Amino acid sequence: MCNLFHTLALTVATHFDFTYRQEEEDGIREYIRMVKYRIRRVRRE
């Protein structure tokens, strides 16, 4: 899902001549990884 968002966001940013903020996406991806990890850990308990 994140890869689809990334591809579409780059396409839209290029089309409208916007700056794509990769650092923001990287932070969101890290947050999603953290949430997934915590969910898996809770399920094991």
N, C-alpha and C. Protein backbone atom coordinates (compact mmCIF):
# COMPACT_ATOMS: atom_id res chain seq x y z
N MET A 1 0.82 -1.19 0.00
CA MET A 1 0.00 0.00 0.00
C MET A 1 0.87 1.26 0.00
N CYS A 2 1.93 1.25 0.77
CA CYS A 2 2.81 2.42 0.81
C CYS A 2 3.48 2.66 -0.53
N ASN A 3 3.83 1.57 -1.21
CA ASN A 3 4.48 1.73 -2.52
C ASN A 3 3.52 2.35 -3.53
N LEU A 4 2.26 1.96 -3.47
CA LEU A 4 1.26 2.55 -4.36
C LEU A 4 1.13 4.05 -4.09
N PHE A 5 1.04 4.42 -2.80
CA PHE A 5 0.96 5.83 -2.44
C PHE A 5 2.18 6.58 -2.97
N HIS A 6 3.36 6.01 -2.77
CA HIS A 6 4.60 6.66 -3.21
C HIS A 6 4.57 6.93 -4.71
N THR A 7 4.21 5.91 -5.48
CA THR A 7 4.16 6.05 -6.95
C THR A 7 3.17 7.12 -7.37
N LEU A 8 1.98 7.08 -6.80
CA LEU A 8 0.96 8.07 -7.17
C LEU A 8 1.35 9.47 -6.71
N ALA A 9 1.90 9.58 -5.52
CA ALA A 9 2.29 10.89 -5.00
C ALA A 9 3.37 11.54 -5.86
N LEU A 10 4.33 10.75 -6.30
CA LEU A 10 5.38 11.29 -7.18
C LEU A 10 4.79 11.74 -8.51
N THR A 11 3.88 10.95 -9.05
CA THR A 11 3.25 11.29 -10.33
C THR A 11 2.46 12.60 -10.21
N VAL A 12 1.68 12.71 -9.16
CA VAL A 12 0.87 13.92 -8.95
C VAL A 12 1.77 15.13 -8.70
N ALA A 13 2.79 14.96 -7.87
CA ALA A 13 3.71 16.07 -7.59
C ALA A 13 4.40 16.55 -8.86
N THR A 14 4.83 15.64 -9.68
CA THR A 14 5.48 16.00 -10.94
C THR A 14 4.50 16.72 -11.86
N HIS A 15 3.30 16.18 -11.97
CA HIS A 15 2.30 16.77 -12.86
C HIS A 15 1.97 18.21 -12.48
N PHE A 16 1.82 18.47 -11.18
CA PHE A 16 1.44 19.81 -10.72
C PHE A 16 2.64 20.66 -10.34
N ASP A 17 3.85 20.16 -10.62
CA ASP A 17 5.09 20.88 -10.32
C ASP A 17 5.22 21.20 -8.83
N PHE A 18 4.87 20.22 -7.99
CA PHE A 18 5.02 20.34 -6.54
C PHE A 18 6.33 19.69 -6.13
N THR A 19 6.82 20.09 -4.98
CA THR A 19 7.98 19.44 -4.39
C THR A 19 7.50 18.24 -3.59
N TYR A 20 8.10 17.08 -3.84
CA TYR A 20 7.73 15.88 -3.09
C TYR A 20 8.69 15.75 -1.92
N ARG A 21 8.15 15.70 -0.71
CA ARG A 21 8.97 15.65 0.50
C ARG A 21 9.20 14.20 0.93
N GLN A 22 10.29 13.65 0.46
CA GLN A 22 10.62 12.25 0.74
C GLN A 22 10.81 12.01 2.24
N GLU A 23 11.36 13.01 2.95
CA GLU A 23 11.59 12.85 4.39
C GLU A 23 10.28 12.60 5.12
N GLU A 24 9.23 13.27 4.68
CA GLU A 24 7.92 13.09 5.30
C GLU A 24 7.41 11.66 5.09
N GLU A 25 7.54 11.18 3.88
CA GLU A 25 7.13 9.80 3.59
C GLU A 25 7.95 8.81 4.40
N ASP A 26 9.24 9.05 4.51
CA ASP A 26 10.11 8.15 5.28
C ASP A 26 9.65 8.08 6.74
N GLY A 27 9.27 9.21 7.30
CA GLY A 27 8.78 9.24 8.67
C GLY A 27 7.47 8.48 8.83
N ILE A 28 6.59 8.63 7.86
CA ILE A 28 5.31 7.91 7.90
C ILE A 28 5.55 6.41 7.79
N ARG A 29 6.44 6.01 6.89
CA ARG A 29 6.74 4.58 6.74
C ARG A 29 7.32 4.00 8.03
N GLU A 30 8.19 4.75 8.68
CA GLU A 30 8.77 4.28 9.95
C GLU A 30 7.68 4.15 11.01
N TYR A 31 6.76 5.09 11.07
CA TYR A 31 5.66 5.03 12.02
C TYR A 31 4.80 3.79 11.76
N ILE A 32 4.49 3.52 10.51
CA ILE A 32 3.68 2.34 10.16
C ILE A 32 4.41 1.06 10.57
N ARG A 33 5.72 0.99 10.33
CA ARG A 33 6.50 -0.19 10.75
C ARG A 33 6.42 -0.38 12.27
N MET A 34 6.52 0.74 13.01
CA MET A 34 6.47 0.67 14.46
C MET A 34 5.10 0.16 14.93
N VAL A 35 4.03 0.66 14.35
CA VAL A 35 2.69 0.22 14.72
C VAL A 35 2.51 -1.27 14.42
N LYS A 36 2.94 -1.71 13.24
CA LYS A 36 2.84 -3.13 12.89
C LYS A 36 3.60 -4.00 13.89
N TYR A 37 4.79 -3.58 14.26
CA TYR A 37 5.60 -4.33 15.21
C TYR A 37 4.88 -4.45 16.55
N ARG A 38 4.32 -3.35 17.03
CA ARG A 38 3.63 -3.36 18.32
C ARG A 38 2.38 -4.22 18.28
N ILE A 39 1.66 -4.20 17.18
CA ILE A 39 0.46 -5.03 17.05
C ILE A 39 0.86 -6.50 17.10
N ARG A 40 1.90 -6.87 16.39
CA ARG A 40 2.35 -8.27 16.39
C ARG A 40 2.79 -8.70 17.79
N ARG A 41 3.48 -7.81 18.48
CA ARG A 41 3.96 -8.12 19.83
C ARG A 41 2.79 -8.33 20.79
N VAL A 42 1.77 -7.50 20.69
CA VAL A 42 0.60 -7.61 21.56
C VAL A 42 -0.15 -8.91 21.28
N ARG A 43 -0.25 -9.29 20.03
CA ARG A 43 -0.96 -10.52 19.66
C ARG A 43 -0.28 -11.76 20.22
N ARG A 44 1.02 -11.71 20.38
CA ARG A 44 1.77 -12.86 20.92
C ARG A 44 1.54 -13.05 22.41
N GLU A 45 1.18 -11.98 23.09
CA GLU A 45 1.02 -12.04 24.55
C GLU A 45 -0.28 -12.69 24.95
